């Protein structure tokens, strides 16, 4: 599991973009709080930030002609098998949404993509 650096979302190839959507769905649902080395930092932030990040992913999907399930555009939705939030508190979101998405993390993401044969530079 990985959340790509926010600045890469609009540049991700189809497979990585759609994979990112699946990752966000899993994290927003029953995966919330389940330890995973690469994304543990997400759980130290307000869940609304994950919703905001996921919204960026879905906006890009729609821009490319994909149609993510509209249910995911609602902040309280957490998937079919996970109870929704009653009223997820909206928090101020900055850019990047996650402070961990700094220049070093961008380099790490680019290296990870390069290892898959994907050059976004």
PDB file of N, CA and C in Angstrom:
ATOM      1  N   UNK A   1       0.836  -1.195   0.000  1.00  0.00           N
ATOM      2  CA  UNK A   1       0.000   0.000   0.000  1.00  0.00           C
ATOM      3  C   UNK A   1       0.871   1.245   0.000  1.00  0.00           C
ATOM      4  N   UNK A   2       0.445   2.225  -0.773  1.00  0.00           N
ATOM      5  CA  UNK A   2       1.161   3.494  -0.816  1.00  0.00           C
ATOM      6  C   UNK A   2       0.185   4.563  -1.272  1.00  0.00           C
ATOM      7  N   UNK A   3       0.287   5.732  -0.662  1.00  0.00           N
ATOM      8  CA  UNK A   3      -0.397   6.897  -1.212  1.00  0.00           C
ATOM      9  C   UNK A   3       0.670   7.667  -1.967  1.00  0.00           C
ATOM     10  N   UNK A   4       0.476   7.815  -3.261  1.00  0.00           N
ATOM     11  CA  UNK A   4       1.453   8.527  -4.065  1.00  0.00           C
ATOM     12  C   UNK A   4       1.503   9.985  -3.646  1.00  0.00           C
ATOM     13  N   UNK A   5       2.660  10.585  -3.836  1.00  0.00           N
ATOM     14  CA  UNK A   5       2.811  12.012  -3.549  1.00  0.00           C
ATOM     15  C   UNK A   5       1.693  12.751  -4.283  1.00  0.00           C
ATOM     16  N   UNK A   6       1.064  13.645  -3.576  1.00  0.00           N
ATOM     17  CA  UNK A   6      -0.094  14.375  -4.108  1.00  0.00           C
ATOM     18  C   UNK A   6       0.168  15.015  -5.474  1.00  0.00           C
ATOM     19  N   UNK A   7       1.369  15.513  -5.688  1.00  0.00           N
ATOM     20  CA  UNK A   7       1.675  16.195  -6.953  1.00  0.00           C
ATOM     21  C   UNK A   7       1.733  15.234  -8.141  1.00  0.00           C
ATOM     22  N   UNK A   8       1.766  13.928  -7.881  1.00  0.00           N
ATOM     23  CA  UNK A   8       1.851  12.939  -8.960  1.00  0.00           C
ATOM     24  C   UNK A   8       0.492  12.436  -9.435  1.00  0.00           C
ATOM     25  N   UNK A   9      -0.558  12.730  -8.701  1.00  0.00           N
ATOM     26  CA  UNK A   9      -1.871  12.160  -9.009  1.00  0.00           C
ATOM     27  C   UNK A   9      -2.273  12.407 -10.459  1.00  0.00           C
ATOM     28  N   UNK A  10      -2.090  13.607 -10.945  1.00  0.00           N
ATOM     29  CA  UNK A  10      -2.515  13.927 -12.316  1.00  0.00           C
ATOM     30  C   UNK A  10      -1.609  13.314 -13.374  1.00  0.00           C
ATOM     31  N   UNK A  11      -0.463  12.780 -12.967  1.00  0.00           N
ATOM     32  CA  UNK A  11       0.507  12.216 -13.907  1.00  0.00           C
ATOM     33  C   UNK A  11       0.552  10.692 -13.885  1.00  0.00           C
ATOM     34  N   UNK A  12      -0.121  10.088 -12.923  1.00  0.00           N
ATOM     35  CA  UNK A  12      -0.053   8.638 -12.769  1.00  0.00           C
ATOM     36  C   UNK A  12      -0.643   7.917 -13.974  1.00  0.00           C
ATOM     37  N   UNK A  13      -0.002   6.843 -14.404  1.00  0.00           N
ATOM     38  CA  UNK A  13      -0.609   6.004 -15.443  1.00  0.00           C
ATOM     39  C   UNK A  13      -1.916   5.399 -14.922  1.00  0.00           C
ATOM     40  N   UNK A  14      -2.713   4.937 -15.845  1.00  0.00           N
ATOM     41  CA  UNK A  14      -4.031   4.382 -15.537  1.00  0.00           C
ATOM     42  C   UNK A  14      -3.989   3.368 -14.392  1.00  0.00           C
ATOM     43  N   UNK A  15      -3.098   2.389 -14.491  1.00  0.00           N
ATOM     44  CA  UNK A  15      -3.043   1.317 -13.495  1.00  0.00           C
ATOM     45  C   UNK A  15      -2.782   1.861 -12.092  1.00  0.00           C
ATOM     46  N   UNK A  16      -1.850   2.804 -11.970  1.00  0.00           N
ATOM     47  CA  UNK A  16      -1.524   3.359 -10.666  1.00  0.00           C
ATOM     48  C   UNK A  16      -2.650   4.252 -10.137  1.00  0.00           C
ATOM     49  N   UNK A  17      -3.292   5.000 -11.043  1.00  0.00           N
ATOM     50  CA  UNK A  17      -4.398   5.857 -10.611  1.00  0.00           C
ATOM     51  C   UNK A  17      -5.563   5.028 -10.089  1.00  0.00           C
ATOM     52  N   UNK A  18      -5.943   4.002 -10.840  1.00  0.00           N
ATOM     53  CA  UNK A  18      -7.052   3.156 -10.405  1.00  0.00           C
ATOM     54  C   UNK A  18      -6.680   2.366  -9.148  1.00  0.00           C
ATOM     55  N   UNK A  19      -5.413   1.973  -9.056  1.00  0.00           N
ATOM     56  CA  UNK A  19      -4.937   1.311  -7.841  1.00  0.00           C
ATOM     57  C   UNK A  19      -4.995   2.232  -6.645  1.00  0.00           C
ATOM     58  N   UNK A  20      -4.707   3.506  -6.881  1.00  0.00           N
ATOM     59  CA  UNK A  20      -4.752   4.482  -5.799  1.00  0.00           C
ATOM     60  C   UNK A  20      -6.180   4.636  -5.278  1.00  0.00           C
ATOM     61  N   UNK A  21      -7.131   4.607  -6.188  1.00  0.00           N
ATOM     62  CA  UNK A  21      -8.546   4.660  -5.783  1.00  0.00           C
ATOM     63  C   UNK A  21      -8.873   3.473  -4.883  1.00  0.00           C
ATOM     64  N   UNK A  22      -8.450   2.272  -5.290  1.00  0.00           N
ATOM     65  CA  UNK A  22      -8.715   1.073  -4.482  1.00  0.00           C
ATOM     66  C   UNK A  22      -8.056   1.181  -3.110  1.00  0.00           C
ATOM     67  N   UNK A  23      -6.828   1.711  -3.069  1.00  0.00           N
ATOM     68  CA  UNK A  23      -6.126   1.883  -1.791  1.00  0.00           C
ATOM     69  C   UNK A  23      -6.895   2.826  -0.874  1.00  0.00           C
ATOM     70  N   UNK A  24      -7.353   3.931  -1.448  1.00  0.00           N
ATOM     71  CA  UNK A  24      -8.095   4.908  -0.653  1.00  0.00           C
ATOM     72  C   UNK A  24      -9.397   4.307  -0.127  1.00  0.00           C
ATOM     73  N   UNK A  25     -10.089   3.557  -0.970  1.00  0.00           N
ATOM     74  CA  UNK A  25     -11.328   2.902  -0.531  1.00  0.00           C
ATOM     75  C   UNK A  25     -11.048   1.966   0.638  1.00  0.00           C
ATOM     76  N   UNK A  26      -9.991   1.179   0.513  1.00  0.00           N
ATOM     77  CA  UNK A  26      -9.640   0.235   1.582  1.00  0.00           C
ATOM     78  C   UNK A  26      -9.287   0.973   2.872  1.00  0.00           C
ATOM     79  N   UNK A  27      -8.503   2.022   2.759  1.00  0.00           N
ATOM     80  CA  UNK A  27      -8.097   2.774   3.946  1.00  0.00           C
ATOM     81  C   UNK A  27      -9.275   3.499   4.591  1.00  0.00           C
ATOM     82  N   UNK A  28     -10.166   4.020   3.795  1.00  0.00           N
ATOM     83  CA  UNK A  28     -11.333   4.713   4.340  1.00  0.00           C
ATOM     84  C   UNK A  28     -12.296   3.742   4.998  1.00  0.00           C
ATOM     85  N   UNK A  29     -12.298   2.494   4.558  1.00  0.00           N
ATOM     86  CA  UNK A  29     -13.212   1.499   5.094  1.00  0.00           C
ATOM     87  C   UNK A  29     -12.607   0.732   6.252  1.00  0.00           C
ATOM     88  N   UNK A  30     -12.681  -0.574   6.164  1.00  0.00           N
ATOM     89  CA  UNK A  30     -12.222  -1.433   7.265  1.00  0.00           C
ATOM     90  C   UNK A  30     -10.708  -1.425   7.452  1.00  0.00           C
ATOM     91  N   UNK A  31      -9.983  -0.841   6.503  1.00  0.00           N
ATOM     92  CA  UNK A  31      -8.532  -0.757   6.638  1.00  0.00           C
ATOM     93  C   UNK A  31      -8.068   0.382   7.533  1.00  0.00           C
ATOM     94  N   UNK A  32      -9.006   1.249   7.942  1.00  0.00           N
ATOM     95  CA  UNK A  32      -8.622   2.393   8.770  1.00  0.00           C
ATOM     96  C   UNK A  32      -8.013   1.902  10.083  1.00  0.00           C
ATOM     97  N   UNK A  33      -6.796   2.350  10.339  1.00  0.00           N
ATOM     98  CA  UNK A  33      -6.115   2.012  11.578  1.00  0.00           C
ATOM     99  C   UNK A  33      -5.341   0.714  11.543  1.00  0.00           C
ATOM    100  N   UNK A  34      -5.448  -0.052  10.476  1.00  0.00           N
ATOM    101  CA  UNK A  34      -4.696  -1.307  10.378  1.00  0.00           C
ATOM    102  C   UNK A  34      -3.276  -0.986   9.945  1.00  0.00           C
ATOM    103  N   UNK A  35      -2.344  -1.398  10.740  1.00  0.00           N
ATOM    104  CA  UNK A  35      -0.940  -1.064  10.532  1.00  0.00           C
ATOM    105  C   UNK A  35      -0.413  -1.557   9.194  1.00  0.00           C
ATOM    106  N   UNK A  36       0.273  -0.663   8.519  1.00  0.00           N
ATOM    107  CA  UNK A  36       0.997  -0.984   7.298  1.00  0.00           C
ATOM    108  C   UNK A  36       2.119   0.035   7.190  1.00  0.00           C
ATOM    109  N   UNK A  37       3.330  -0.443   7.140  1.00  0.00           N
ATOM    110  CA  UNK A  37       4.509   0.410   7.228  1.00  0.00           C
ATOM    111  C   UNK A  37       4.453   1.632   6.313  1.00  0.00           C
ATOM    112  N   UNK A  38       4.002   1.465   5.100  1.00  0.00           N
ATOM    113  CA  UNK A  38       4.056   2.554   4.122  1.00  0.00           C
ATOM    114  C   UNK A  38       3.019   3.630   4.374  1.00  0.00           C
ATOM    115  N   UNK A  39       1.875   3.282   4.954  1.00  0.00           N
ATOM    116  CA  UNK A  39       0.805   4.268   5.123  1.00  0.00           C
ATOM    117  C   UNK A  39       0.434   4.558   6.575  1.00  0.00           C
ATOM    118  N   UNK A  40       1.218   4.090   7.516  1.00  0.00           N
ATOM    119  CA  UNK A  40       0.892   4.327   8.928  1.00  0.00           C
ATOM    120  C   UNK A  40       0.708   5.806   9.243  1.00  0.00           C
ATOM    121  N   UNK A  41       1.431   6.687   8.566  1.00  0.00           N
ATOM    122  CA  UNK A  41       1.327   8.120   8.854  1.00  0.00           C
ATOM    123  C   UNK A  41      -0.104   8.630   8.647  1.00  0.00           C
ATOM    124  N   UNK A  42      -0.856   8.003   7.757  1.00  0.00           N
ATOM    125  CA  UNK A  42      -2.226   8.442   7.477  1.00  0.00           C
ATOM    126  C   UNK A  42      -3.066   8.383   8.749  1.00  0.00           C
ATOM    127  N   UNK A  43      -2.823   7.384   9.578  1.00  0.00           N
ATOM    128  CA  UNK A  43      -3.634   7.187  10.776  1.00  0.00           C
ATOM    129  C   UNK A  43      -3.299   8.175  11.886  1.00  0.00           C
ATOM    130  N   UNK A  44      -2.245   8.957  11.722  1.00  0.00           N
ATOM    131  CA  UNK A  44      -1.923   9.993  12.710  1.00  0.00           C
ATOM    132  C   UNK A  44      -2.621  11.306  12.378  1.00  0.00           C
ATOM    133  N   UNK A  45      -3.348  11.320  11.278  1.00  0.00           N
ATOM    134  CA  UNK A  45      -4.068  12.508  10.822  1.00  0.00           C
ATOM    135  C   UNK A  45      -5.570  12.278  10.917  1.00  0.00           C
ATOM    136  N   UNK A  46      -6.302  13.346  10.803  1.00  0.00           N
ATOM    137  CA  UNK A  46      -7.753  13.281  10.821  1.00  0.00           C
ATOM    138  C   UNK A  46      -8.248  12.496   9.597  1.00  0.00           C
ATOM    139  N   UNK A  47      -9.239  11.624   9.755  1.00  0.00           N
ATOM    140  CA  UNK A  47      -9.750  10.855   8.621  1.00  0.00           C
ATOM    141  C   UNK A  47     -10.279  11.741   7.486  1.00  0.00           C
ATOM    142  N   UNK A  48     -10.650  12.962   7.789  1.00  0.00           N
ATOM    143  CA  UNK A  48     -11.138  13.859   6.738  1.00  0.00           C
ATOM    144  C   UNK A  48     -10.034  14.135   5.710  1.00  0.00           C
ATOM    145  N   UNK A  49      -8.787  14.113   6.147  1.00  0.00           N
ATOM    146  CA  UNK A  49      -7.686  14.352   5.217  1.00  0.00           C
ATOM    147  C   UNK A  49      -7.594  13.232   4.177  1.00  0.00           C
ATOM    148  N   UNK A  50      -7.868  12.008   4.593  1.00  0.00           N
ATOM    149  CA  UNK A  50      -7.880  10.904   3.639  1.00  0.00           C
ATOM    150  C   UNK A  50      -9.022  11.090   2.648  1.00  0.00           C
ATOM    151  N   UNK A  51     -10.169  11.536   3.132  1.00  0.00           N
ATOM    152  CA  UNK A  51     -11.282  11.826   2.228  1.00  0.00           C
ATOM    153  C   UNK A  51     -10.868  12.885   1.205  1.00  0.00           C
ATOM    154  N   UNK A  52     -10.202  13.960   1.661  1.00  0.00           N
ATOM    155  CA  UNK A  52      -9.771  15.030   0.759  1.00  0.00           C
ATOM    156  C   UNK A  52      -8.764  14.512  -0.272  1.00  0.00           C
ATOM    157  N   UNK A  53      -7.838  13.672   0.161  1.00  0.00           N
ATOM    158  CA  UNK A  53      -6.864  13.077  -0.761  1.00  0.00           C
ATOM    159  C   UNK A  53      -7.594  12.198  -1.782  1.00  0.00           C
ATOM    160  N   UNK A  54      -8.501  11.369  -1.299  1.00  0.00           N
ATOM    161  CA  UNK A  54      -9.258  10.474  -2.170  1.00  0.00           C
ATOM    162  C   UNK A  54     -10.069  11.283  -3.184  1.00  0.00           C
ATOM    163  N   UNK A  55     -10.581  12.424  -2.762  1.00  0.00           N
ATOM    164  CA  UNK A  55     -11.344  13.298  -3.667  1.00  0.00           C
ATOM    165  C   UNK A  55     -10.457  13.763  -4.822  1.00  0.00           C
ATOM    166  N   UNK A  56      -9.187  14.079  -4.544  1.00  0.00           N
ATOM    167  CA  UNK A  56      -8.257  14.447  -5.620  1.00  0.00           C
ATOM    168  C   UNK A  56      -8.109  13.301  -6.622  1.00  0.00           C
ATOM    169  N   UNK A  57      -8.006  12.092  -6.097  1.00  0.00           N
ATOM    170  CA  UNK A  57      -7.864  10.914  -6.948  1.00  0.00           C
ATOM    171  C   UNK A  57      -9.120  10.730  -7.803  1.00  0.00           C
ATOM    172  N   UNK A  58     -10.280  10.845  -7.168  1.00  0.00           N
ATOM    173  CA  UNK A  58     -11.531  10.656  -7.918  1.00  0.00           C
ATOM    174  C   UNK A  58     -11.751  11.772  -8.936  1.00  0.00           C
ATOM    175  N   UNK A  59     -11.363  12.984  -8.606  1.00  0.00           N
ATOM    176  CA  UNK A  59     -11.480  14.090  -9.560  1.00  0.00           C
ATOM    177  C   UNK A  59     -10.641  13.809 -10.803  1.00  0.00           C
ATOM    178  N   UNK A  60      -9.434  13.281 -10.600  1.00  0.00           N
ATOM    179  CA  UNK A  60      -8.572  12.940 -11.733  1.00  0.00           C
ATOM    180  C   UNK A  60      -9.167  11.786 -12.534  1.00  0.00           C
ATOM    181  N   UNK A  61      -9.730  10.817 -11.833  1.00  0.00           N
ATOM    182  CA  UNK A  61     -10.376   9.707 -12.529  1.00  0.00           C
ATOM    183  C   UNK A  61     -11.492  10.236 -13.428  1.00  0.00           C
ATOM    184  N   UNK A  62     -12.318  11.115 -12.890  1.00  0.00           N
ATOM    185  CA  UNK A  62     -13.422  11.672 -13.670  1.00  0.00           C
ATOM    186  C   UNK A  62     -12.905  12.499 -14.840  1.00  0.00           C
ATOM    187  N   UNK A  63     -11.829  13.238 -14.621  1.00  0.00           N
ATOM    188  CA  UNK A  63     -11.246  14.032 -15.693  1.00  0.00           C
ATOM    189  C   UNK A  63     -10.835  13.133 -16.865  1.00  0.00           C
ATOM    190  N   UNK A  64     -10.405  11.911 -16.541  1.00  0.00           N
ATOM    191  CA  UNK A  64      -9.972  10.960 -17.571  1.00  0.00           C
ATOM    192  C   UNK A  64     -11.111  10.105 -18.117  1.00  0.00           C
ATOM    193  N   UNK A  65     -12.312  10.333 -17.643  1.00  0.00           N
ATOM    194  CA  UNK A  65     -13.459   9.597 -18.171  1.00  0.00           C
ATOM    195  C   UNK A  65     -13.864   8.370 -17.382  1.00  0.00           C
ATOM    196  N   UNK A  66     -13.258   8.131 -16.225  1.00  0.00           N
ATOM    197  CA  UNK A  66     -13.647   7.020 -15.365  1.00  0.00           C
ATOM    198  C   UNK A  66     -14.801   7.464 -14.474  1.00  0.00           C
ATOM    199  N   UNK A  67     -15.539   6.499 -13.958  1.00  0.00           N
ATOM    200  CA  UNK A  67     -16.716   6.807 -13.159  1.00  0.00           C
ATOM    201  C   UNK A  67     -16.670   6.074 -11.813  1.00  0.00           C
ATOM    202  N   UNK A  68     -15.908   6.616 -10.845  1.00  0.00           N
ATOM    203  CA  UNK A  68     -15.905   5.965  -9.527  1.00  0.00           C
ATOM    204  C   UNK A  68     -17.304   6.029  -8.919  1.00  0.00           C
ATOM    205  N   UNK A  69     -17.617   5.062  -8.099  1.00  0.00           N
ATOM    206  CA  UNK A  69     -18.919   5.031  -7.438  1.00  0.00           C
ATOM    207  C   UNK A  69     -19.134   6.344  -6.687  1.00  0.00           C
ATOM    208  N   UNK A  70     -20.246   6.991  -6.987  1.00  0.00           N
ATOM    209  CA  UNK A  70     -20.540   8.296  -6.399  1.00  0.00           C
ATOM    210  C   UNK A  70     -20.626   8.255  -4.874  1.00  0.00           C
ATOM    211  N   UNK A  71     -20.912   7.094  -4.313  1.00  0.00           N
ATOM    212  CA  UNK A  71     -20.995   6.980  -2.853  1.00  0.00           C
ATOM    213  C   UNK A  71     -19.700   7.440  -2.188  1.00  0.00           C
ATOM    214  N   UNK A  72     -18.557   7.193  -2.860  1.00  0.00           N
ATOM    215  CA  UNK A  72     -17.262   7.557  -2.271  1.00  0.00           C
ATOM    216  C   UNK A  72     -17.061   9.070  -2.210  1.00  0.00           C
ATOM    217  N   UNK A  73     -17.858   9.845  -2.924  1.00  0.00           N
ATOM    218  CA  UNK A  73     -17.705  11.304  -2.884  1.00  0.00           C
ATOM    219  C   UNK A  73     -18.329  11.913  -1.629  1.00  0.00           C
ATOM    220  N   UNK A  74     -18.983  11.084  -0.829  1.00  0.00           N
ATOM    221  CA  UNK A  74     -19.576  11.554   0.421  1.00  0.00           C
ATOM    222  C   UNK A  74     -18.611  11.263   1.568  1.00  0.00           C
ATOM    223  N   UNK A  75     -18.321  12.268   2.341  1.00  0.00           N
ATOM    224  CA  UNK A  75     -17.294  12.161   3.382  1.00  0.00           C
ATOM    225  C   UNK A  75     -17.577  11.080   4.416  1.00  0.00           C
ATOM    226  N   UNK A  76     -18.832  10.746   4.652  1.00  0.00           N
ATOM    227  CA  UNK A  76     -19.171   9.771   5.688  1.00  0.00           C
ATOM    228  C   UNK A  76     -19.144   8.328   5.203  1.00  0.00           C
ATOM    229  N   UNK A  77     -19.122   8.124   3.895  1.00  0.00           N
ATOM    230  CA  UNK A  77     -19.176   6.775   3.330  1.00  0.00           C
ATOM    231  C   UNK A  77     -17.863   6.040   3.587  1.00  0.00           C
ATOM    232  N   UNK A  78     -17.971   4.768   3.958  1.00  0.00           N
ATOM    233  CA  UNK A  78     -16.783   3.971   4.260  1.00  0.00           C
ATOM    234  C   UNK A  78     -16.826   2.599   3.598  1.00  0.00           C
ATOM    235  N   UNK A  79     -17.703   2.412   2.636  1.00  0.00           N
ATOM    236  CA  UNK A  79     -17.799   1.131   1.947  1.00  0.00           C
ATOM    237  C   UNK A  79     -19.021   0.346   2.381  1.00  0.00           C
ATOM    238  N   UNK A  80     -19.282  -0.733   1.644  1.00  0.00           N
ATOM    239  CA  UNK A  80     -20.483  -1.532   1.886  1.00  0.00           C
ATOM    240  C   UNK A  80     -20.451  -2.288   3.204  1.00  0.00           C
ATOM    241  N   UNK A  81     -19.263  -2.680   3.654  1.00  0.00           N
ATOM    242  CA  UNK A  81     -19.188  -3.527   4.850  1.00  0.00           C
ATOM    243  C   UNK A  81     -18.661  -2.779   6.069  1.00  0.00           C
ATOM    244  N   UNK A  82     -18.652  -1.455   5.999  1.00  0.00           N
ATOM    245  CA  UNK A  82     -18.138  -0.662   7.112  1.00  0.00           C
ATOM    246  C   UNK A  82     -19.169   0.422   7.445  1.00  0.00           C
ATOM    247  N   UNK A  83     -19.536   0.545   8.708  1.00  0.00           N
ATOM    248  CA  UNK A  83     -20.519   1.575   9.054  1.00  0.00           C
ATOM    249  C   UNK A  83     -19.999   2.971   8.696  1.00  0.00           C
ATOM    250  N   UNK A  84     -20.871   3.834   8.193  1.00  0.00           N
ATOM    251  CA  UNK A  84     -20.426   5.190   7.841  1.00  0.00           C
ATOM    252  C   UNK A  84     -20.140   6.009   9.096  1.00  0.00           C
ATOM    253  N   UNK A  85     -19.391   7.074   8.907  1.00  0.00           N
ATOM    254  CA  UNK A  85     -19.259   8.044   9.986  1.00  0.00           C
ATOM    255  C   UNK A  85     -20.618   8.706  10.166  1.00  0.00           C
ATOM    256  N   UNK A  86     -20.928   9.104  11.389  1.00  0.00           N
ATOM    257  CA  UNK A  86     -22.187   9.817  11.610  1.00  0.00           C
ATOM    258  C   UNK A  86     -22.116  11.200  10.988  1.00  0.00           C
ATOM    259  N   UNK A  87     -21.045  11.898  11.223  1.00  0.00           N
ATOM    260  CA  UNK A  87     -20.833  13.206  10.611  1.00  0.00           C
ATOM    261  C   UNK A  87     -19.353  13.541  10.736  1.00  0.00           C
ATOM    262  N   UNK A  88     -18.563  13.059   9.785  1.00  0.00           N
ATOM    263  CA  UNK A  88     -17.125  13.283   9.815  1.00  0.00           C
ATOM    264  C   UNK A  88     -16.850  14.784   9.823  1.00  0.00           C
ATOM    265  N   UNK A  89     -16.148  15.217  10.837  1.00  0.00           N
ATOM    266  CA  UNK A  89     -15.837  16.636  10.978  1.00  0.00           C
ATOM    267  C   UNK A  89     -14.904  17.088   9.853  1.00  0.00           C
ATOM    268  N   UNK A  90     -15.283  18.160   9.190  1.00  0.00           N
ATOM    269  CA  UNK A  90     -14.432  18.723   8.149  1.00  0.00           C
ATOM    270  C   UNK A  90     -13.327  19.545   8.814  1.00  0.00           C
ATOM    271  N   UNK A  91     -12.105  19.312   8.383  1.00  0.00           N
ATOM    272  CA  UNK A  91     -10.966  20.067   8.899  1.00  0.00           C
ATOM    273  C   UNK A  91     -10.323  20.826   7.744  1.00  0.00           C
ATOM    274  N   UNK A  92      -9.594  21.851   8.076  1.00  0.00           N
ATOM    275  CA  UNK A  92      -8.879  22.613   7.059  1.00  0.00           C
ATOM    276  C   UNK A  92      -7.809  21.727   6.443  1.00  0.00           C
ATOM    277  N   UNK A  93      -7.785  21.709   5.128  1.00  0.00           N
ATOM    278  CA  UNK A  93      -6.826  20.880   4.406  1.00  0.00           C
ATOM    279  C   UNK A  93      -5.849  21.800   3.692  1.00  0.00           C
ATOM    280  N   UNK A  94      -4.576  21.491   3.835  1.00  0.00           N
ATOM    281  CA  UNK A  94      -3.524  22.275   3.198  1.00  0.00           C
ATOM    282  C   UNK A  94      -2.968  21.504   2.013  1.00  0.00           C
ATOM    283  N   UNK A  95      -2.059  22.129   1.308  1.00  0.00           N
ATOM    284  CA  UNK A  95      -1.388  21.440   0.209  1.00  0.00           C
ATOM    285  C   UNK A  95       0.107  21.436   0.483  1.00  0.00           C
ATOM    286  N   UNK A  96       0.711  20.279   0.579  1.00  0.00           N
ATOM    287  CA  UNK A  96       0.086  18.979   0.404  1.00  0.00           C
ATOM    288  C   UNK A  96      -0.823  18.637   1.585  1.00  0.00           C
ATOM    289  N   UNK A  97      -1.751  17.748   1.344  1.00  0.00           N
ATOM    290  CA  UNK A  97      -2.693  17.333   2.382  1.00  0.00           C
ATOM    291  C   UNK A  97      -1.947  16.685   3.538  1.00  0.00           C
ATOM    292  N   UNK A  98      -0.948  15.882   3.208  1.00  0.00           N
ATOM    293  CA  UNK A  98      -0.126  15.231   4.229  1.00  0.00           C
ATOM    294  C   UNK A  98       1.257  15.864   4.231  1.00  0.00           C
ATOM    295  N   UNK A  99       1.684  16.358   5.391  1.00  0.00           N
ATOM    296  CA  UNK A  99       3.011  16.972   5.512  1.00  0.00           C
ATOM    297  C   UNK A  99       4.107  15.974   5.132  1.00  0.00           C
ATOM    298  N   UNK A 100       3.825  14.691   5.284  1.00  0.00           N
ATOM    299  CA  UNK A 100       4.799  13.652   4.937  1.00  0.00           C
ATOM    300  C   UNK A 100       5.088  13.625   3.435  1.00  0.00           C
ATOM    301  N   UNK A 101       4.238  14.224   2.649  1.00  0.00           N
ATOM    302  CA  UNK A 101       4.439  14.264   1.200  1.00  0.00           C
ATOM    303  C   UNK A 101       5.362  15.431   0.846  1.00  0.00           C
ATOM    304  N   UNK A 102       6.583  15.338   1.343  1.00  0.00           N
ATOM    305  CA  UNK A 102       7.593  16.381   1.122  1.00  0.00           C
ATOM    306  C   UNK A 102       8.473  16.005  -0.076  1.00  0.00           C
ATOM    307  N   UNK A 103       9.520  16.771  -0.292  1.00  0.00           N
ATOM    308  CA  UNK A 103      10.402  16.539  -1.447  1.00  0.00           C
ATOM    309  C   UNK A 103      11.061  15.153  -1.384  1.00  0.00           C
ATOM    310  N   UNK A 104      11.450  14.720  -0.199  1.00  0.00           N
ATOM    311  CA  UNK A 104      12.077  13.402  -0.062  1.00  0.00           C
ATOM    312  C   UNK A 104      11.077  12.293  -0.418  1.00  0.00           C
ATOM    313  N   UNK A 105       9.831  12.462  -0.005  1.00  0.00           N
ATOM    314  CA  UNK A 105       8.808  11.465  -0.328  1.00  0.00           C
ATOM    315  C   UNK A 105       8.514  11.464  -1.829  1.00  0.00           C
ATOM    316  N   UNK A 106       8.521  12.636  -2.442  1.00  0.00           N
ATOM    317  CA  UNK A 106       8.343  12.711  -3.888  1.00  0.00           C
ATOM    318  C   UNK A 106       9.434  11.919  -4.591  1.00  0.00           C
ATOM    319  N   UNK A 107      10.685  12.102  -4.169  1.00  0.00           N
ATOM    320  CA  UNK A 107      11.802  11.351  -4.749  1.00  0.00           C
ATOM    321  C   UNK A 107      11.613   9.846  -4.554  1.00  0.00           C
ATOM    322  N   UNK A 108      11.141   9.454  -3.366  1.00  0.00           N
ATOM    323  CA  UNK A 108      10.900   8.036  -3.076  1.00  0.00           C
ATOM    324  C   UNK A 108       9.819   7.475  -4.005  1.00  0.00           C
ATOM    325  N   UNK A 109       8.757   8.241  -4.209  1.00  0.00           N
ATOM    326  CA  UNK A 109       7.677   7.799  -5.098  1.00  0.00           C
ATOM    327  C   UNK A 109       8.162   7.685  -6.545  1.00  0.00           C
ATOM    328  N   UNK A 110       8.935   8.673  -6.992  1.00  0.00           N
ATOM    329  CA  UNK A 110       9.464   8.638  -8.362  1.00  0.00           C
ATOM    330  C   UNK A 110      10.387   7.439  -8.556  1.00  0.00           C
ATOM    331  N   UNK A 111      11.198   7.135  -7.546  1.00  0.00           N
ATOM    332  CA  UNK A 111      12.087   5.973  -7.615  1.00  0.00           C
ATOM    333  C   UNK A 111      11.275   4.686  -7.663  1.00  0.00           C
ATOM    334  N   UNK A 112      10.192   4.624  -6.872  1.00  0.00           N
ATOM    335  CA  UNK A 112       9.334   3.453  -6.863  1.00  0.00           C
ATOM    336  C   UNK A 112       8.700   3.254  -8.240  1.00  0.00           C
ATOM    337  N   UNK A 113       8.219   4.331  -8.834  1.00  0.00           N
ATOM    338  CA  UNK A 113       7.632   4.243 -10.174  1.00  0.00           C
ATOM    339  C   UNK A 113       8.686   3.860 -11.218  1.00  0.00           C
ATOM    340  N   UNK A 114       9.884   4.435 -11.093  1.00  0.00           N
ATOM    341  CA  UNK A 114      10.960   4.121 -12.033  1.00  0.00           C
ATOM    342  C   UNK A 114      11.302   2.636 -11.985  1.00  0.00           C
ATOM    343  N   UNK A 115      11.265   2.068 -10.788  1.00  0.00           N
ATOM    344  CA  UNK A 115      11.535   0.631 -10.644  1.00  0.00           C
ATOM    345  C   UNK A 115      10.478  -0.212 -11.356  1.00  0.00           C
ATOM    346  N   UNK A 116       9.320   0.368 -11.589  1.00  0.00           N
ATOM    347  CA  UNK A 116       8.249  -0.302 -12.325  1.00  0.00           C
ATOM    348  C   UNK A 116       8.319   0.038 -13.821  1.00  0.00           C
ATOM    349  N   UNK A 117       9.343   0.799 -14.205  1.00  0.00           N
ATOM    350  CA  UNK A 117       9.503   1.176 -15.604  1.00  0.00           C
ATOM    351  C   UNK A 117       8.692   2.401 -16.006  1.00  0.00           C
ATOM    352  N   UNK A 118       8.275   3.193 -15.014  1.00  0.00           N
ATOM    353  CA  UNK A 118       7.441   4.383 -15.265  1.00  0.00           C
ATOM    354  C   UNK A 118       8.270   5.616 -14.985  1.00  0.00           C
ATOM    355  N   UNK A 119       8.464   6.445 -16.002  1.00  0.00           N
ATOM    356  CA  UNK A 119       9.243   7.693 -15.854  1.00  0.00           C
ATOM    357  C   UNK A 119       8.306   8.883 -15.963  1.00  0.00           C
ATOM    358  N   UNK A 120       8.133   9.605 -14.860  1.00  0.00           N
ATOM    359  CA  UNK A 120       7.249  10.776 -14.844  1.00  0.00           C
ATOM    360  C   UNK A 120       8.008  12.095 -14.872  1.00  0.00           C
ATOM    361  N   UNK A 121       9.329  12.029 -15.015  1.00  0.00           N
ATOM    362  CA  UNK A 121      10.100  13.279 -14.984  1.00  0.00           C
ATOM    363  C   UNK A 121      10.000  14.042 -16.284  1.00  0.00           C
TER     364      UNK A 121
END
